[in-house]
Amino acid sequence: ASIVINVIQLSALVVFSVLAILFRVQNPLGVAPEGWYHPTGASIVLPHNLAGMLFQSTIAILILVGFESSTALAAEAKNPKKDIPRGVIISLVIQGLFAYLLQYFAANYALSDKLTSADGSLTGISAAAASGAPIGDLAVQLGTAFLGGNGFAFMLVIAFTVAIAILGTTLAAMNTGVRISFAMAQDSEMPDVMGLLHDKYATPFYGVWIMVIVSGIIGSIGVLGGVMALTGVTLASNLGTFVLYALICGLTFVAFAGDRGFSFVKHAVIPFLGLLVNMGMVLAIFIIGIISGGTTAQATYLALGISAAWLIVSVAYFIFQSVRSGKAILPPAKVMVTEK
């Protein structure tokens, strides 16, 4: 199923990107040189605003976070020491360099003042900004120009592949999340119900249902609340992602320090750079998001509120479990022991 989903998704992406680049090269609508949003291809990939690039990175990380799903399959890997790192790197190359960068470049390359909003009142970048689905509008334009006027049909095909991609992403995320919550429940770091196995299939089915319900509620709030709420939920999720990655980078150095297999580059330099970058992204969410004002600031405050509430719940559960199990929350003070 994963192979089929990826083949369909990547094939549609390549077709869209090729048509978008041809649209700029052949210029069937006769767009004037100054009518293109980006005058050259280099203008697309070169940063124009550092603050905007950093804040957009805090949102775009959603496109790349699937790479760690490979690590959740370590128990099933025949050669995890070799295959898991390879899977992580390949997924980053496919998602980042191939999928995201290719379509990002192609869509911006084809954006011109000929793109018209649904009601015909706006054109160009204003139409794209006001649209609920600017890629869909571009697909209509491309299909009309190159596919015999079948722009709407081409847009439906692209929409179908996006729906399939979302399904595949959801399954991968649920697979990873359930495995992590199951392991945490085994260590008494989450409620025992998350670790209960099905009598017949030996799967943590209670954990699956709980995650489906919670994810559905959060997703519904984001969709029904509009762009601001959806951005806030996204930023809250990504805030946790950056904190998690920063902790992993720090723990990598701690875990390998003094080990025979310690590598200065892999276990010191790269984790240190990763720690700096991830903490920089956390600060970007806080500082740039609030300074931007408007709906961006509102979304940032919502993200901080969600994160703070989750932190309170987590700390409260940790204290409750520590008290219930009789474990000390803080390291015990030194005591003097005498032998008889």
Protein backbone atom coordinates (compact mmCIF):
# COMPACT_ATOMS: atom_id res chain seq x y z
CA ALA A 1 0.00 0.00 0.00
CA SER A 2 2.83 2.41 0.86
CA ILE A 3 4.57 1.70 -2.46
CA VAL A 4 1.37 2.29 -4.45
CA ILE A 5 0.62 5.53 -2.58
CA ASN A 6 4.15 6.85 -3.12
CA VAL A 7 4.19 5.94 -6.83
CA ILE A 8 0.87 7.71 -7.44
CA GLN A 9 1.85 10.75 -5.42
CA LEU A 10 5.33 11.21 -6.92
CA SER A 11 4.08 10.57 -10.47
CA ALA A 12 1.44 13.28 -10.13
CA LEU A 13 4.04 15.62 -8.67
CA VAL A 14 6.38 15.09 -11.61
CA VAL A 15 3.59 15.63 -14.17
CA PHE A 16 2.46 18.84 -12.45
CA SER A 17 6.02 20.16 -12.15
CA VAL A 18 6.89 19.40 -15.79
CA LEU A 19 3.73 21.16 -17.01
CA ALA A 20 4.43 24.14 -14.76
CA ILE A 21 7.97 24.54 -16.09
CA LEU A 22 6.74 24.13 -19.69
CA PHE A 23 4.12 26.78 -19.01
CA ARG A 24 6.88 29.29 -18.23
CA VAL A 25 9.13 28.17 -21.08
CA GLN A 26 6.47 28.04 -23.83
CA ASN A 27 4.36 30.88 -22.41
CA PRO A 28 1.06 29.90 -24.13
CA LEU A 29 -0.81 32.85 -22.60
CA GLY A 30 1.72 35.40 -23.78
CA VAL A 31 2.71 36.68 -20.35
CA ALA A 32 4.93 39.76 -20.53
CA PRO A 33 8.46 39.39 -19.05
CA GLU A 34 7.50 41.63 -16.14
CA GLY A 35 4.27 39.66 -15.62
CA TRP A 36 6.00 36.68 -13.95
CA TYR A 37 6.07 36.78 -10.16
CA HIS A 38 9.71 35.66 -10.14
CA PRO A 39 11.79 37.24 -12.91
CA THR A 40 14.29 34.35 -12.93
CA GLY A 41 14.57 30.81 -11.61
CA ALA A 42 17.28 31.86 -9.16
CA SER A 43 14.84 34.31 -7.56
CA ILE A 44 12.71 31.36 -6.43
CA VAL A 45 15.35 29.56 -4.38
CA LEU A 46 17.27 32.56 -3.04
CA PRO A 47 15.92 33.96 0.26
CA HIS A 48 14.34 37.41 0.07
CA ASN A 49 13.50 37.87 3.74
CA LEU A 50 15.40 36.09 6.53
CA ALA A 51 12.63 36.38 9.14
CA GLY A 52 10.02 35.16 6.68
CA MET A 53 12.20 32.24 5.64
CA LEU A 54 12.81 31.17 9.25
CA PHE A 55 9.13 31.36 10.22
CA GLN A 56 8.07 29.51 7.08
CA SER A 57 10.62 26.83 8.00
CA THR A 58 8.83 26.30 11.31
CA ILE A 59 5.71 25.38 9.32
CA ALA A 60 7.35 23.57 6.39
CA ILE A 61 9.01 21.08 8.77
CA LEU A 62 5.70 19.16 8.60
CA ILE A 63 6.75 18.07 5.11
CA LEU A 64 9.90 16.39 6.43
CA VAL A 65 8.92 14.94 9.82
CA GLY A 66 8.01 11.58 8.32
CA PHE A 67 11.67 10.58 8.08
CA GLU A 68 11.76 9.34 11.68
CA SER A 69 8.97 6.86 10.90
CA SER A 70 11.78 4.66 9.60
CA THR A 71 13.22 4.39 13.09
CA ALA A 72 9.93 3.00 14.41
CA LEU A 73 10.43 -0.06 12.20
CA ALA A 74 13.84 -0.94 13.65
CA ALA A 75 12.48 -4.11 15.29
CA GLU A 76 11.42 -5.49 11.89
CA ALA A 77 14.57 -4.48 10.01
CA LYS A 78 16.91 -7.30 8.95
CA ASN A 79 19.96 -5.07 9.41
CA PRO A 80 18.79 -2.06 11.46
CA LYS A 81 22.28 -0.58 11.95
CA LYS A 82 22.60 -0.21 8.19
CA ASP A 83 19.03 -0.07 6.89
CA ILE A 84 17.48 2.44 9.33
CA PRO A 85 20.02 5.25 8.67
CA ARG A 86 19.70 4.56 4.95
CA GLY A 87 15.91 4.75 5.16
CA VAL A 88 16.09 8.06 7.05
CA ILE A 89 18.45 9.65 4.52
CA ILE A 90 16.53 8.36 1.48
CA SER A 91 13.24 9.65 2.87
CA LEU A 92 14.75 13.10 3.50
CA VAL A 93 16.11 13.22 -0.06
CA ILE A 94 12.76 12.17 -1.57
CA GLN A 95 10.67 14.49 0.61
CA GLY A 96 12.96 17.50 0.72
CA LEU A 97 15.14 17.68 -2.38
CA PHE A 98 12.82 15.88 -4.81
CA ALA A 99 9.20 16.36 -3.77
CA TYR A 100 9.13 19.66 -1.89
CA LEU A 101 11.86 21.58 -3.71
CA LEU A 102 10.75 20.43 -7.19
CA GLN A 103 7.10 21.37 -6.75
CA TYR A 104 7.98 24.54 -4.84
CA PHE A 105 10.22 25.64 -7.70
CA ALA A 106 7.79 24.63 -10.45
CA ALA A 107 4.73 26.29 -8.88
CA ASN A 108 6.57 29.56 -8.29
CA TYR A 109 8.14 29.41 -11.75
CA ALA A 110 4.67 29.28 -13.37
CA LEU A 111 3.06 31.96 -11.19
CA SER A 112 2.12 35.00 -13.24
CA ASP A 113 -0.40 37.82 -13.39
CA LYS A 114 -2.55 35.55 -15.59
CA LEU A 115 -3.62 33.45 -12.60
CA THR A 116 -7.18 34.57 -11.83
CA SER A 117 -9.24 34.01 -8.69
CA ALA A 118 -12.47 32.02 -8.81
CA ASP A 119 -14.66 35.13 -9.09
CA GLY A 120 -12.29 36.83 -11.53
CA SER A 121 -11.67 39.81 -9.24
CA LEU A 122 -7.99 39.14 -8.48
CA THR A 123 -5.00 38.16 -10.59
CA GLY A 124 -1.42 37.07 -10.04
CA ILE A 125 -0.03 36.70 -6.55
CA SER A 126 -3.11 38.38 -5.06
CA ALA A 127 -5.29 35.64 -6.55
CA ALA A 128 -2.98 32.94 -5.16
CA ALA A 129 -2.98 34.54 -1.70
CA ALA A 130 -6.78 34.80 -1.64
CA SER A 131 -7.32 31.27 -2.95
CA GLY A 132 -8.16 28.35 -0.70
CA ALA A 133 -6.23 26.06 -3.06
CA PRO A 134 -3.67 27.97 -5.15
CA ILE A 135 -2.03 24.77 -6.43
CA GLY A 136 -5.47 23.68 -7.62
CA ASP A 137 -5.92 26.98 -9.46
CA LEU A 138 -2.53 26.49 -11.11
CA ALA A 139 -3.53 22.94 -12.07
CA VAL A 140 -6.65 24.31 -13.80
CA GLN A 141 -4.51 26.80 -15.69
CA LEU A 142 -1.95 24.18 -16.73
CA GLY A 143 -4.53 21.60 -17.75
CA THR A 144 -6.43 24.15 -19.80
CA ALA A 145 -3.26 25.20 -21.62
CA PHE A 146 -1.66 21.78 -22.27
CA LEU A 147 -4.33 19.09 -21.85
CA GLY A 148 -6.95 20.13 -24.37
CA GLY A 149 -8.83 22.45 -22.06
CA ASN A 150 -9.27 19.80 -19.36
CA GLY A 151 -7.95 21.98 -16.55
CA PHE A 152 -10.72 21.14 -14.09
CA ALA A 153 -10.26 17.39 -14.65
CA PHE A 154 -6.51 17.74 -14.11
CA MET A 155 -7.17 19.63 -10.87
CA LEU A 156 -9.41 16.78 -9.67
CA VAL A 157 -6.65 14.26 -10.40
CA ILE A 158 -4.15 16.34 -8.40
CA ALA A 159 -6.67 16.66 -5.55
CA PHE A 160 -7.18 12.88 -5.55
CA THR A 161 -3.43 12.25 -5.28
CA VAL A 162 -3.22 14.75 -2.42
CA ALA A 163 -6.01 12.90 -0.60
CA ILE A 164 -4.12 9.62 -1.08
CA ALA A 165 -0.93 11.25 0.20
CA ILE A 166 -2.73 12.51 3.31
CA LEU A 167 -4.05 9.00 3.94
CA GLY A 168 -0.55 7.54 3.63
CA THR A 169 0.91 10.22 5.88
CA THR A 170 -1.80 9.62 8.48
CA LEU A 171 -1.14 5.87 8.50
CA ALA A 172 2.62 6.41 8.87
CA ALA A 173 2.12 8.91 11.68
CA MET A 174 -0.33 6.64 13.50
CA ASN A 175 2.05 3.70 13.12
CA THR A 176 4.88 5.66 14.69
CA GLY A 177 2.74 7.28 17.38
CA VAL A 178 1.14 4.03 18.52
CA ARG A 179 4.51 2.29 18.75
CA ILE A 180 5.96 5.11 20.84
CA SER A 181 2.93 5.34 23.14
CA PHE A 182 2.95 1.54 23.57
CA ALA A 183 6.63 1.60 24.59
CA MET A 184 6.01 4.50 27.00
CA ALA A 185 3.07 2.64 28.55
CA GLN A 186 5.35 -0.36 29.12
CA ASP A 187 7.68 1.98 31.04
CA SER A 188 4.76 3.45 33.04
CA GLU A 189 5.28 6.82 31.37
CA MET A 190 1.75 6.76 29.90
CA PRO A 191 -1.53 5.18 31.09
CA ASP A 192 -1.57 1.37 31.00
CA VAL A 193 -4.48 1.38 28.54
CA MET A 194 -2.10 2.57 25.80
CA GLY A 195 -0.16 -0.68 26.18
CA LEU A 196 -3.03 -3.18 26.20
CA LEU A 197 -2.88 -5.69 23.35
CA HIS A 198 -5.75 -7.17 21.37
CA ASP A 199 -6.49 -10.80 22.34
CA LYS A 200 -6.50 -12.00 18.73
CA TYR A 201 -4.27 -9.64 16.76
CA ALA A 202 -1.75 -8.63 19.47
CA THR A 203 -1.98 -4.96 18.50
CA PRO A 204 -2.39 -2.00 20.93
CA PHE A 205 -5.91 -1.35 19.65
CA TYR A 206 -6.94 0.84 22.60
CA GLY A 207 -3.99 3.10 21.85
CA VAL A 208 -5.04 3.27 18.20
CA TRP A 209 -8.60 4.30 19.07
CA ILE A 210 -7.48 6.88 21.63
CA MET A 211 -5.04 8.46 19.15
CA VAL A 212 -7.70 8.49 16.41
CA ILE A 213 -10.18 10.28 18.68
CA VAL A 214 -7.67 12.81 20.03
CA SER A 215 -6.22 13.50 16.57
CA GLY A 216 -9.71 13.86 15.12
CA ILE A 217 -10.68 16.41 17.77
CA ILE A 218 -7.51 18.45 17.28
CA GLY A 219 -7.82 18.32 13.50
CA SER A 220 -11.49 19.36 13.62
CA ILE A 221 -10.65 22.33 15.83
CA GLY A 222 -7.95 23.38 13.37
CA VAL A 223 -10.21 23.08 10.32
CA LEU A 224 -13.32 24.67 11.86
CA GLY A 225 -11.28 27.49 13.42
CA GLY A 226 -9.99 28.69 10.08
CA VAL A 227 -6.47 29.54 8.98
CA MET A 228 -5.47 31.03 12.35
CA ALA A 229 -6.50 27.96 14.37
CA LEU A 230 -5.01 25.55 11.84
CA THR A 231 -1.71 27.46 11.85
CA GLY A 232 -1.75 27.49 15.66
CA VAL A 233 -2.25 23.72 15.85
CA THR A 234 0.50 23.24 13.26
CA LEU A 235 2.93 25.46 15.17
CA ALA A 236 2.14 23.65 18.44
CA SER A 237 2.87 20.32 16.79
CA ASN A 238 6.06 21.62 15.23
CA LEU A 239 7.16 23.19 18.51
CA GLY A 240 7.08 19.73 20.06
CA THR A 241 8.93 18.37 17.04
CA PHE A 242 11.78 20.85 17.39
CA VAL A 243 12.07 20.25 21.14
CA LEU A 244 12.12 16.48 20.56
CA TYR A 245 14.80 16.73 17.88
CA ALA A 246 16.88 19.04 20.08
CA LEU A 247 16.70 16.54 22.94
CA ILE A 248 17.71 13.69 20.62
CA CYS A 249 20.71 15.69 19.38
CA GLY A 250 21.81 16.35 22.96
CA LEU A 251 21.27 12.74 24.01
CA THR A 252 23.26 11.49 21.02
CA PHE A 253 26.38 13.16 22.39
CA VAL A 254 25.67 11.89 25.92
CA ALA A 255 25.03 8.32 24.75
CA PHE A 256 28.21 8.00 22.66
CA ALA A 257 30.62 10.03 24.80
CA GLY A 258 33.36 7.68 26.00
CA ASP A 259 32.14 4.85 23.75
CA ARG A 260 34.61 2.99 21.53
CA GLY A 261 32.51 3.82 18.47
CA PHE A 262 32.48 7.54 19.23
CA SER A 263 32.89 9.68 16.11
CA PHE A 264 33.69 13.36 16.56
CA VAL A 265 31.77 14.32 13.41
CA LYS A 266 28.73 12.04 13.76
CA HIS A 267 28.36 12.13 17.54
CA ALA A 268 29.62 15.63 18.41
CA VAL A 269 29.66 18.12 15.52
CA ILE A 270 26.43 17.08 13.79
CA PRO A 271 24.37 16.71 17.02
CA PHE A 272 25.68 20.08 18.24
CA LEU A 273 24.67 21.79 14.98
CA GLY A 274 21.31 20.01 15.13
CA LEU A 275 20.78 21.22 18.68
CA LEU A 276 21.52 24.82 17.68
CA VAL A 277 19.26 24.72 14.61
CA ASN A 278 16.31 23.16 16.43
CA MET A 279 16.51 25.59 19.33
CA GLY A 280 16.77 28.38 16.76
CA MET A 281 13.53 27.16 15.19
CA VAL A 282 11.86 27.19 18.63
CA LEU A 283 12.94 30.81 19.11
CA ALA A 284 11.72 31.62 15.60
CA ILE A 285 8.23 30.42 16.52
CA PHE A 286 8.24 32.57 19.64
CA ILE A 287 9.94 35.76 18.49
CA ILE A 288 9.13 36.07 14.79
CA GLY A 289 5.58 34.80 15.19
CA ILE A 290 4.73 37.31 17.93
CA ILE A 291 6.52 40.24 16.29
CA SER A 292 4.70 39.62 13.00
CA GLY A 293 1.40 40.61 14.61
CA GLY A 294 -2.07 39.96 13.21
CA THR A 295 -3.29 36.40 12.71
CA THR A 296 0.30 35.10 12.79
CA ALA A 297 0.74 36.39 16.35
CA GLN A 298 -2.66 34.96 17.33
CA ALA A 299 -1.66 31.57 15.93
CA THR A 300 1.63 31.76 17.85
CA TYR A 301 -0.13 32.54 21.14
CA LEU A 302 -2.54 29.66 20.50
CA ALA A 303 0.41 27.32 19.87
CA LEU A 304 2.09 28.43 23.09
CA GLY A 305 -1.16 27.90 25.00
CA ILE A 306 -1.59 24.38 23.62
CA SER A 307 2.04 23.52 24.39
CA ALA A 308 1.82 24.93 27.93
CA ALA A 309 -1.38 22.96 28.63
CA TRP A 310 0.22 19.76 27.34
CA LEU A 311 3.31 20.40 29.46
CA ILE A 312 1.19 20.86 32.60
CA VAL A 313 -0.70 17.62 31.91
CA SER A 314 2.58 15.75 31.32
CA VAL A 315 4.25 17.03 34.49
CA ALA A 316 1.12 16.32 36.54
CA TYR A 317 0.99 12.74 35.23
CA PHE A 318 4.70 12.26 35.95
CA ILE A 319 4.24 13.42 39.54
CA PHE A 320 1.13 11.26 39.97
CA GLN A 321 2.92 8.16 38.69
CA SER A 322 5.96 8.86 40.85
CA VAL A 323 3.84 9.21 44.00
CA ARG A 324 1.71 6.17 43.17
CA SER A 325 4.71 3.94 42.55
CA GLY A 326 6.57 5.27 45.57
CA LYS A 327 9.48 6.51 43.48
CA ALA A 328 11.29 9.67 44.46
CA ILE A 329 10.64 12.57 42.12
CA LEU A 330 13.97 14.21 42.95
CA PRO A 331 17.30 12.43 43.54
CA PRO A 332 17.57 11.35 47.20
CA ALA A 333 19.89 13.30 49.47
CA LYS A 334 23.10 11.64 50.60
CA VAL A 335 22.74 9.69 53.82
CA MET A 336 25.37 8.21 56.07
CA VAL A 337 25.29 4.41 56.29
CA THR A 338 27.01 2.60 59.15
CA GLU A 339 27.76 -1.08 59.24
CA LYS A 340 27.30 -3.22 62.30
